[in-house]
């Protein structure tokens, strides 16, 4: 199984939180993960397809996978 980096775990932890505004989340992405929002979402998209991410936080990963699939279907 793939292993997660500390940054991967931080990304999943960030996604577990509730965000009322996108600006607050974008600030947290830069401050807590150290990536630009664009780069963050690129990495997150790849991370969601890993077995390690699913094992680490199945609820969050499955929720994000459903959201991603819905976005592609609406698309």
Protein backbone atom coordinates (compact mmCIF):
# COMPACT_ATOMS: atom_id res chain seq x y z
CA UNK A 1 0.00 0.00 0.00
CA UNK A 2 1.17 3.54 -0.72
CA UNK A 3 2.13 5.59 2.29
CA UNK A 4 0.98 9.12 2.92
CA UNK A 5 3.33 12.02 3.48
CA UNK A 6 2.73 14.51 6.26
CA UNK A 7 1.51 16.92 3.58
CA UNK A 8 -0.95 14.31 2.24
CA UNK A 9 -2.36 13.80 5.74
CA UNK A 10 -2.59 17.58 6.25
CA UNK A 11 -4.56 17.88 3.01
CA UNK A 12 -7.04 15.21 4.06
CA UNK A 13 -7.34 16.77 7.53
CA UNK A 14 -8.06 20.14 5.93
CA UNK A 15 -10.74 18.61 3.72
CA UNK A 16 -12.42 17.07 6.77
CA UNK A 17 -13.12 20.54 8.17
CA UNK A 18 -16.20 22.60 7.38
CA UNK A 19 -15.61 25.82 5.47
CA UNK A 20 -18.24 28.54 5.32
CA UNK A 21 -16.25 30.69 2.90
CA UNK A 22 -13.80 29.76 0.16
CA UNK A 23 -11.42 32.57 1.15
CA UNK A 24 -10.85 31.06 4.58
CA UNK A 25 -10.07 27.68 3.08
CA UNK A 26 -7.71 29.16 0.49
CA UNK A 27 -5.81 30.95 3.24
CA UNK A 28 -5.61 27.73 5.25
CA UNK A 29 -4.32 25.84 2.20
CA UNK A 30 -1.41 28.24 1.84
CA UNK A 31 -0.67 28.51 5.57
CA UNK A 32 -1.15 24.89 6.65
CA UNK A 33 -0.22 22.89 3.57
CA UNK A 34 2.20 25.28 1.88
CA UNK A 35 0.72 25.05 -1.60
CA UNK A 36 -1.12 27.43 -3.87
CA UNK A 37 -4.83 26.56 -4.09
CA UNK A 38 -4.45 25.46 -7.74
CA UNK A 39 -1.56 23.11 -6.93
CA UNK A 40 -3.40 21.87 -3.82
CA UNK A 41 -6.48 20.82 -5.79
CA UNK A 42 -4.32 19.14 -8.45
CA UNK A 43 -2.56 17.08 -5.78
CA UNK A 44 -5.78 16.41 -3.89
CA UNK A 45 -7.40 15.02 -7.03
CA UNK A 46 -4.54 12.52 -7.46
CA UNK A 47 -4.49 11.74 -3.73
CA UNK A 48 -8.17 10.73 -3.77
CA UNK A 49 -7.32 7.85 -6.11
CA UNK A 50 -4.84 6.22 -3.72
CA UNK A 51 -5.51 3.30 -1.43
CA UNK A 52 -3.50 4.99 1.32
CA UNK A 53 -5.79 8.03 1.37
CA UNK A 54 -8.85 5.80 1.48
CA UNK A 55 -7.38 3.79 4.37
CA UNK A 56 -6.44 6.97 6.25
CA UNK A 57 -9.83 8.70 6.03
CA UNK A 58 -12.48 6.69 4.16
CA UNK A 59 -15.36 9.03 5.01
CA UNK A 60 -13.65 12.14 3.69
CA UNK A 61 -12.15 10.42 0.65
CA UNK A 62 -15.45 8.82 -0.36
CA UNK A 63 -17.29 12.14 0.10
CA UNK A 64 -14.75 13.93 -2.09
CA UNK A 65 -14.87 11.17 -4.70
CA UNK A 66 -18.66 11.49 -4.87
CA UNK A 67 -18.39 15.27 -5.21
CA UNK A 68 -15.81 14.90 -7.96
CA UNK A 69 -17.94 12.33 -9.83
CA UNK A 70 -21.01 14.55 -9.57
CA UNK A 71 -19.07 17.51 -10.94
CA UNK A 72 -17.89 15.47 -13.91
CA UNK A 73 -21.42 14.18 -14.58
CA UNK A 74 -22.89 17.69 -14.41
CA UNK A 75 -20.26 18.94 -16.54
